[in-house]
Amino acid sequence: MRKSGCAVCSRSIGWVGLAVNTVLMVMKAFVGLIGGSQAMLADAMYSLKDMLNALMVIIGTTISSKPLDAEHPYGHGKVEFILSMVVSVVFIVLTGYLLVHAVQILLDESLHRTPHLIVLWAALVSVGVNVGMYFYSRCVAIETNSPIIKTMAKHHHGDATASGAVALGIIGAHYLKMPWIDPAVALWETVDLLLLGKVVFMDAYRGLMDHTAGEAVQNRIVEAAERVPGVRGVIHLRARYVGQDIWADMIIGVDPENTVEQAHDICEAVQAAVCGKIRRIESLHVSAEAREAGDTSKPIFSEEPLSFDEVMLSKVDDDKGSNERGNQR
């Protein structure tokens, strides 16, 4: 994390989200009942969803931050994807029920009512709070690369949009004399929740399946490495996501006349440069091979997964490098 306050935010955002969304859910449910708004009651489901997501953030960040051990050599990062998948499945089921209910109300004109204007003010408050929570959680998600906090940010963005739609629906019902707008907005909200649940489910599914870091990230790693003095290009690079973190190993080219100590120092400099440039690199092992001047061969990007022994070797090298840098200070 690039800023000192990011670690504090990543630990507290779950509790902040839980408190904020509990208040919003109670407010929306109460106002929706007394104000006679189906759309506001559906909007309360957004906040209930966010409450559960905040609980998943608290649990997920606690477990995923545990250090590697013999039983979990790749860490505990995938727990966040599992929890994201659980949240998405629960809400796909719940919103499926709400969708049926919303359709029934929309088709029955005898159930159409013009909601009280108190619903409008509650919707505007919800928009303001969710916009603030969106920018807060988005900032934390960018710095931590946490999938479950990314989900949290997406949910707050969706909540702000939904509450804005509720406000427009109330205005339409009151001033355009169209009471059917409120149940229509409720129907739209349930469909939106279903689609959001699908997106979260697919993101979690992809996260559970290890995959390469992608060409864009690999090119940034190569660019950072090749800026280090003494590096004659990157020969080989393998970078994969394990959970939300990147595990990588690379071979760089150096002057054949360099001593072993000089090559080692260049590798250390490359490791520091890449880790300082690319977020969420959990482990990076750098080795060197002799390369003649003028060799412009392009780096080879490998898609092979890291073996258990390679993970342990990278971890030992990372710990050793950290200790050496600490002793130098």
Protein backbone atom coordinates (compact mmCIF):
# COMPACT_ATOMS: atom_id res chain seq x y z
CA MET A 1 0.00 0.00 0.00
CA ARG A 2 1.41 3.35 -1.02
CA LYS A 3 -0.01 5.53 1.76
CA SER A 4 0.39 4.98 5.50
CA GLY A 5 -3.33 5.46 6.11
CA CYS A 6 -4.37 2.75 3.64
CA ALA A 7 -3.75 -0.07 6.10
CA VAL A 8 -5.95 1.67 8.67
CA CYS A 9 -8.73 2.19 6.11
CA SER A 10 -8.57 -1.43 4.93
CA ARG A 11 -9.06 -2.63 8.51
CA SER A 12 -11.86 -0.19 9.34
CA ILE A 13 -13.86 -0.01 6.11
CA GLY A 14 -15.84 -3.15 6.92
CA TRP A 15 -17.01 -1.77 10.25
CA VAL A 16 -17.78 1.63 8.74
CA GLY A 17 -19.78 -0.01 5.96
CA LEU A 18 -21.66 -2.21 8.42
CA ALA A 19 -22.67 0.75 10.59
CA VAL A 20 -23.64 3.02 7.69
CA ASN A 21 -25.66 0.39 5.85
CA THR A 22 -27.45 -0.77 9.00
CA VAL A 23 -28.69 2.79 9.54
CA LEU A 24 -29.64 3.14 5.86
CA MET A 25 -31.50 -0.17 5.77
CA VAL A 26 -33.56 0.66 8.88
CA MET A 27 -34.32 4.14 7.53
CA LYS A 28 -35.35 2.88 4.08
CA ALA A 29 -37.52 0.06 5.43
CA PHE A 30 -39.26 2.36 7.91
CA VAL A 31 -39.82 5.17 5.41
CA GLY A 32 -40.89 2.72 2.72
CA LEU A 33 -43.54 1.22 5.01
CA ILE A 34 -44.98 4.47 6.37
CA GLY A 35 -44.59 6.29 3.05
CA GLY A 36 -46.16 3.52 0.99
CA SER A 37 -43.27 3.12 -1.46
CA GLN A 38 -42.48 -0.28 -2.98
CA ALA A 39 -39.40 1.22 -4.61
CA MET A 40 -38.01 2.36 -1.25
CA LEU A 41 -38.65 -1.09 0.25
CA ALA A 42 -36.73 -2.61 -2.65
CA ASP A 43 -34.02 0.00 -2.10
CA ALA A 44 -33.73 -1.24 1.49
CA MET A 45 -32.58 -4.56 0.01
CA TYR A 46 -29.58 -2.76 -1.47
CA SER A 47 -28.56 -1.69 2.02
CA LEU A 48 -29.22 -5.18 3.43
CA LYS A 49 -26.99 -6.53 0.67
CA ASP A 50 -24.30 -4.05 1.65
CA MET A 51 -24.62 -5.02 5.31
CA LEU A 52 -23.87 -8.64 4.44
CA ASN A 53 -21.07 -7.53 2.15
CA ALA A 54 -19.56 -5.45 4.97
CA LEU A 55 -19.62 -8.52 7.21
CA MET A 56 -17.85 -10.46 4.45
CA VAL A 57 -15.24 -7.67 4.24
CA ILE A 58 -14.60 -7.89 7.99
CA ILE A 59 -14.27 -11.68 7.90
CA GLY A 60 -12.43 -11.82 4.58
CA THR A 61 -9.79 -9.18 5.31
CA THR A 62 -9.12 -10.77 8.71
CA ILE A 63 -8.53 -14.23 7.24
CA SER A 64 -6.77 -13.16 4.03
CA SER A 65 -4.22 -11.08 5.98
CA LYS A 66 -2.90 -14.16 7.79
CA PRO A 67 0.68 -15.09 6.84
CA LEU A 68 1.60 -18.10 4.71
CA ASP A 69 1.94 -21.45 6.45
CA ALA A 70 2.72 -25.05 5.52
CA GLU A 71 -0.94 -25.85 4.84
CA HIS A 72 -1.53 -22.63 2.87
CA PRO A 73 1.69 -21.91 0.93
CA TYR A 74 -0.15 -19.54 -1.42
CA GLY A 75 -1.71 -17.59 1.44
CA HIS A 76 -5.37 -17.09 2.35
CA GLY A 77 -6.33 -14.51 -0.29
CA LYS A 78 -8.90 -16.70 -2.05
CA VAL A 79 -11.21 -16.61 0.95
CA GLU A 80 -12.39 -13.19 -0.22
CA PHE A 81 -13.48 -14.62 -3.56
CA ILE A 82 -15.34 -17.43 -1.79
CA LEU A 83 -17.17 -14.94 0.41
CA SER A 84 -17.99 -12.73 -2.59
CA MET A 85 -19.51 -15.76 -4.28
CA VAL A 86 -21.60 -16.55 -1.19
CA VAL A 87 -22.95 -12.99 -1.07
CA SER A 88 -23.83 -13.06 -4.78
CA VAL A 89 -25.70 -16.37 -4.54
CA VAL A 90 -27.73 -15.21 -1.52
CA PHE A 91 -28.82 -12.08 -3.30
CA ILE A 92 -29.62 -13.75 -6.57
CA VAL A 93 -32.08 -15.93 -4.62
CA LEU A 94 -33.55 -13.04 -2.59
CA THR A 95 -33.95 -10.69 -5.53
CA GLY A 96 -35.53 -13.46 -7.57
CA TYR A 97 -38.33 -13.52 -5.01
CA LEU A 98 -38.56 -9.71 -4.98
CA LEU A 99 -38.74 -9.67 -8.78
CA VAL A 100 -41.85 -11.86 -8.77
CA HIS A 101 -43.43 -9.66 -6.07
CA ALA A 102 -42.63 -6.44 -7.97
CA VAL A 103 -44.18 -7.80 -11.19
CA GLN A 104 -47.37 -8.75 -9.33
CA ILE A 105 -47.74 -5.24 -7.85
CA LEU A 106 -47.00 -3.52 -11.16
CA LEU A 107 -49.67 -5.54 -12.98
CA ASP A 108 -52.34 -4.98 -10.29
CA GLU A 109 -53.55 -1.37 -10.65
CA SER A 110 -55.51 -1.59 -7.39
CA LEU A 111 -52.16 -1.72 -5.54
CA HIS A 112 -50.77 1.44 -7.15
CA ARG A 113 -50.36 4.25 -4.59
CA THR A 114 -48.69 7.67 -4.68
CA PRO A 115 -45.98 7.53 -1.98
CA HIS A 116 -45.58 10.25 0.65
CA LEU A 117 -42.99 12.96 -0.05
CA ILE A 118 -40.96 11.83 2.98
CA VAL A 119 -39.72 9.04 0.71
CA LEU A 120 -38.15 11.64 -1.59
CA TRP A 121 -36.04 13.13 1.21
CA ALA A 122 -34.96 9.69 2.41
CA ALA A 123 -33.90 8.80 -1.13
CA LEU A 124 -31.82 11.98 -1.45
CA VAL A 125 -30.08 11.28 1.87
CA SER A 126 -29.32 7.76 0.64
CA VAL A 127 -27.83 9.11 -2.60
CA GLY A 128 -25.46 11.42 -0.71
CA VAL A 129 -24.32 8.78 1.77
CA ASN A 130 -23.76 6.12 -0.90
CA VAL A 131 -21.78 8.48 -3.14
CA GLY A 132 -19.46 9.21 -0.20
CA MET A 133 -19.13 5.50 0.64
CA TYR A 134 -18.44 4.71 -3.02
CA PHE A 135 -15.43 7.03 -3.24
CA TYR A 136 -14.16 5.84 0.16
CA SER A 137 -14.41 2.13 -0.64
CA ARG A 138 -13.10 2.66 -4.19
CA CYS A 139 -9.95 4.31 -2.81
CA VAL A 140 -9.35 1.38 -0.44
CA ALA A 141 -10.09 -1.15 -3.20
CA ILE A 142 -7.54 0.43 -5.55
CA GLU A 143 -4.79 0.36 -2.93
CA THR A 144 -5.50 -3.15 -1.60
CA ASN A 145 -6.72 -4.86 -4.80
CA SER A 146 -9.21 -6.66 -2.55
CA PRO A 147 -12.00 -8.28 -4.60
CA ILE A 148 -14.52 -8.05 -1.79
CA ILE A 149 -13.83 -4.34 -1.22
CA LYS A 150 -14.10 -3.81 -4.99
CA THR A 151 -17.50 -5.49 -4.72
CA MET A 152 -18.35 -3.14 -1.86
CA ALA A 153 -17.53 -0.11 -4.03
CA LYS A 154 -19.64 -1.45 -6.90
CA HIS A 155 -22.55 -1.99 -4.53
CA HIS A 156 -22.43 1.57 -3.21
CA HIS A 157 -22.34 2.89 -6.76
CA GLY A 158 -25.40 0.80 -7.57
CA ASP A 159 -27.12 1.94 -4.38
CA ALA A 160 -26.64 5.61 -5.23
CA THR A 161 -28.10 5.00 -8.69
CA ALA A 162 -31.06 3.07 -7.26
CA SER A 163 -31.84 5.72 -4.65
CA GLY A 164 -31.66 8.37 -7.36
CA ALA A 165 -34.19 6.37 -9.39
CA VAL A 166 -36.46 6.19 -6.33
CA ALA A 167 -36.31 9.97 -5.99
CA LEU A 168 -37.21 10.44 -9.66
CA GLY A 169 -40.04 7.95 -9.27
CA ILE A 170 -41.51 9.86 -6.33
CA ILE A 171 -41.33 13.11 -8.30
CA GLY A 172 -43.07 11.43 -11.23
CA ALA A 173 -45.77 9.90 -9.04
CA HIS A 174 -46.54 13.24 -7.34
CA TYR A 175 -46.16 15.82 -10.07
CA LEU A 176 -46.96 13.76 -13.18
CA LYS A 177 -49.81 11.86 -11.52
CA MET A 178 -48.38 8.46 -12.46
CA PRO A 179 -48.51 6.23 -9.34
CA TRP A 180 -47.39 3.19 -11.36
CA ILE A 181 -43.88 4.68 -11.57
CA ASP A 182 -43.08 3.60 -7.99
CA PRO A 183 -43.67 -0.16 -8.56
CA ALA A 184 -41.97 0.19 -11.95
CA VAL A 185 -38.84 1.54 -10.23
CA ALA A 186 -39.07 -1.33 -7.73
CA LEU A 187 -39.12 -3.78 -10.65
CA TRP A 188 -36.09 -2.09 -12.24
CA GLU A 189 -34.22 -2.28 -8.92
CA THR A 190 -34.79 -6.02 -8.56
CA VAL A 191 -33.58 -6.64 -12.12
CA ASP A 192 -30.51 -4.49 -11.41
CA LEU A 193 -29.81 -6.48 -8.24
CA LEU A 194 -30.00 -9.74 -10.20
CA LEU A 195 -27.55 -8.46 -12.80
CA LEU A 196 -25.21 -7.15 -10.11
CA GLY A 197 -25.33 -10.52 -8.36
CA LYS A 198 -24.36 -12.22 -11.62
CA VAL A 199 -21.40 -9.86 -12.15
CA VAL A 200 -20.12 -10.40 -8.60
CA PHE A 201 -20.52 -14.18 -8.96
CA MET A 202 -18.53 -14.27 -12.21
CA ASP A 203 -15.78 -12.03 -10.79
CA ALA A 204 -15.49 -14.34 -7.78
CA TYR A 205 -15.43 -17.41 -10.03
CA ARG A 206 -12.60 -15.99 -12.14
CA GLY A 207 -10.69 -15.04 -8.98
CA LEU A 208 -10.86 -18.60 -7.67
CA MET A 209 -9.27 -19.82 -10.90
CA ASP A 210 -5.57 -18.81 -10.93
CA HIS A 211 -4.73 -16.81 -14.04
CA THR A 212 -1.87 -14.86 -15.55
CA ALA A 213 -1.43 -11.24 -14.55
CA GLY A 214 -2.24 -10.17 -18.11
CA GLU A 215 -0.19 -8.52 -20.82
CA ALA A 216 -0.70 -4.99 -19.49
CA VAL A 217 0.67 -5.86 -16.04
CA GLN A 218 3.49 -7.95 -17.52
CA ASN A 219 4.56 -5.07 -19.76
CA ARG A 220 4.60 -2.71 -16.78
CA ILE A 221 6.81 -5.17 -14.88
CA VAL A 222 9.20 -5.39 -17.83
CA GLU A 223 9.26 -1.61 -18.20
CA ALA A 224 10.07 -1.10 -14.51
CA ALA A 225 12.83 -3.73 -14.61
CA GLU A 226 14.48 -2.39 -17.76
CA ARG A 227 14.80 1.08 -16.26
CA VAL A 228 17.21 -0.26 -13.63
CA PRO A 229 20.86 0.52 -14.51
CA GLY A 230 22.77 -2.57 -15.57
CA VAL A 231 19.75 -4.48 -16.89
CA ARG A 232 20.08 -5.65 -20.49
CA GLY A 233 16.43 -6.47 -20.97
CA VAL A 234 14.09 -9.06 -19.49
CA ILE A 235 14.64 -12.58 -20.81
CA HIS A 236 11.78 -14.46 -19.15
CA LEU A 237 8.79 -13.45 -17.03
CA ARG A 238 6.09 -15.46 -15.32
CA ALA A 239 3.46 -13.50 -13.37
CA ARG A 240 0.22 -14.96 -12.03
CA TYR A 241 -2.57 -13.88 -9.73
CA VAL A 242 -2.96 -16.06 -6.65
CA GLY A 243 -6.07 -14.68 -5.00
CA GLN A 244 -5.76 -10.90 -5.23
CA ASP A 245 -1.94 -10.90 -5.18
CA ILE A 246 0.66 -11.29 -7.91
CA TRP A 247 3.36 -13.96 -7.64
CA ALA A 248 6.13 -13.66 -10.21
CA ASP A 249 9.60 -14.76 -11.17
CA MET A 250 11.78 -13.26 -13.86
CA ILE A 251 15.17 -13.63 -15.51
CA ILE A 252 17.02 -10.47 -16.51
CA GLY A 253 20.01 -10.02 -18.79
CA VAL A 254 23.23 -8.52 -17.42
CA ASP A 255 26.75 -7.83 -18.69
CA PRO A 256 28.73 -11.11 -18.94
CA GLU A 257 31.66 -9.29 -17.31
CA ASN A 258 29.70 -8.62 -14.11
CA THR A 259 30.70 -10.47 -10.97
CA VAL A 260 28.20 -12.62 -9.07
CA GLU A 261 27.93 -9.87 -6.44
CA GLN A 262 27.23 -7.22 -9.08
CA ALA A 263 24.55 -9.37 -10.72
CA HIS A 264 22.98 -9.99 -7.31
CA ASP A 265 22.87 -6.27 -6.57
CA ILE A 266 21.17 -5.61 -9.91
CA CYS A 267 18.58 -8.30 -9.15
CA GLU A 268 17.90 -6.68 -5.77
CA ALA A 269 17.49 -3.29 -7.45
CA VAL A 270 15.07 -4.77 -10.00
CA GLN A 271 13.02 -6.38 -7.25
CA ALA A 272 12.77 -3.07 -5.37
CA ALA A 273 11.91 -1.11 -8.53
CA VAL A 274 9.17 -3.50 -9.67
CA CYS A 275 7.59 -3.86 -6.23
CA GLY A 276 7.58 -0.09 -5.87
CA LYS A 277 5.89 0.37 -9.25
CA ILE A 278 3.32 -2.45 -9.32
CA ARG A 279 0.64 -2.87 -6.65
CA ARG A 280 -0.05 -6.13 -4.84
CA ILE A 281 3.12 -8.07 -5.68
CA GLU A 282 3.25 -10.66 -2.93
CA SER A 283 6.40 -12.38 -4.18
CA LEU A 284 8.97 -11.62 -6.88
CA HIS A 285 12.03 -13.80 -7.53
CA VAL A 286 14.66 -12.26 -9.83
CA SER A 287 17.64 -14.10 -11.29
CA ALA A 288 20.25 -13.01 -13.85
CA GLU A 289 21.81 -14.48 -16.97
CA ALA A 290 24.62 -13.17 -19.14
CA ARG A 291 23.44 -11.21 -22.18
CA GLU A 292 25.56 -9.60 -24.84
CA ALA A 293 25.15 -5.91 -25.61
CA GLY A 294 22.88 -5.26 -28.58
CA ASP A 295 20.68 -8.32 -27.97
CA THR A 296 17.14 -6.96 -28.43
CA SER A 297 15.23 -10.22 -28.07
CA LYS A 298 11.75 -9.74 -26.64
CA PRO A 299 10.94 -11.23 -23.24
CA ILE A 300 9.19 -14.58 -23.08
CA PHE A 301 5.94 -14.49 -21.08
CA SER A 302 5.20 -17.86 -19.49
CA GLU A 303 1.73 -19.01 -18.42
CA GLU A 304 2.93 -21.98 -16.36
CA PRO A 305 1.73 -22.00 -12.71
CA LEU A 306 4.20 -21.69 -9.86
CA SER A 307 5.03 -24.98 -8.17
CA PHE A 308 5.02 -25.46 -4.40
CA ASP A 309 8.85 -25.50 -4.27
CA GLU A 310 9.06 -22.29 -6.31
CA VAL A 311 6.60 -20.57 -3.98
CA MET A 312 8.68 -21.54 -0.96
CA LEU A 313 11.92 -20.44 -2.68
CA SER A 314 10.42 -17.06 -3.56
CA LYS A 315 9.16 -16.60 -0.02
CA VAL A 316 12.57 -17.40 1.48
CA ASP A 317 14.28 -15.00 -0.94
CA ASP A 318 11.74 -12.25 -0.18
CA ASP A 319 12.18 -12.67 3.57
CA LYS A 320 15.96 -12.67 3.22
CA GLY A 321 15.88 -9.53 1.10
CA SER A 322 13.60 -7.78 3.59
CA ASN A 323 15.91 -8.67 6.48
CA GLU A 324 18.96 -7.44 4.59
CA ARG A 325 17.29 -4.13 3.77
CA GLY A 326 16.21 -3.80 7.39
CA ASN A 327 19.78 -4.41 8.63
CA GLN A 328 21.12 -1.79 6.21
CA ARG A 329 18.79 0.78 7.78
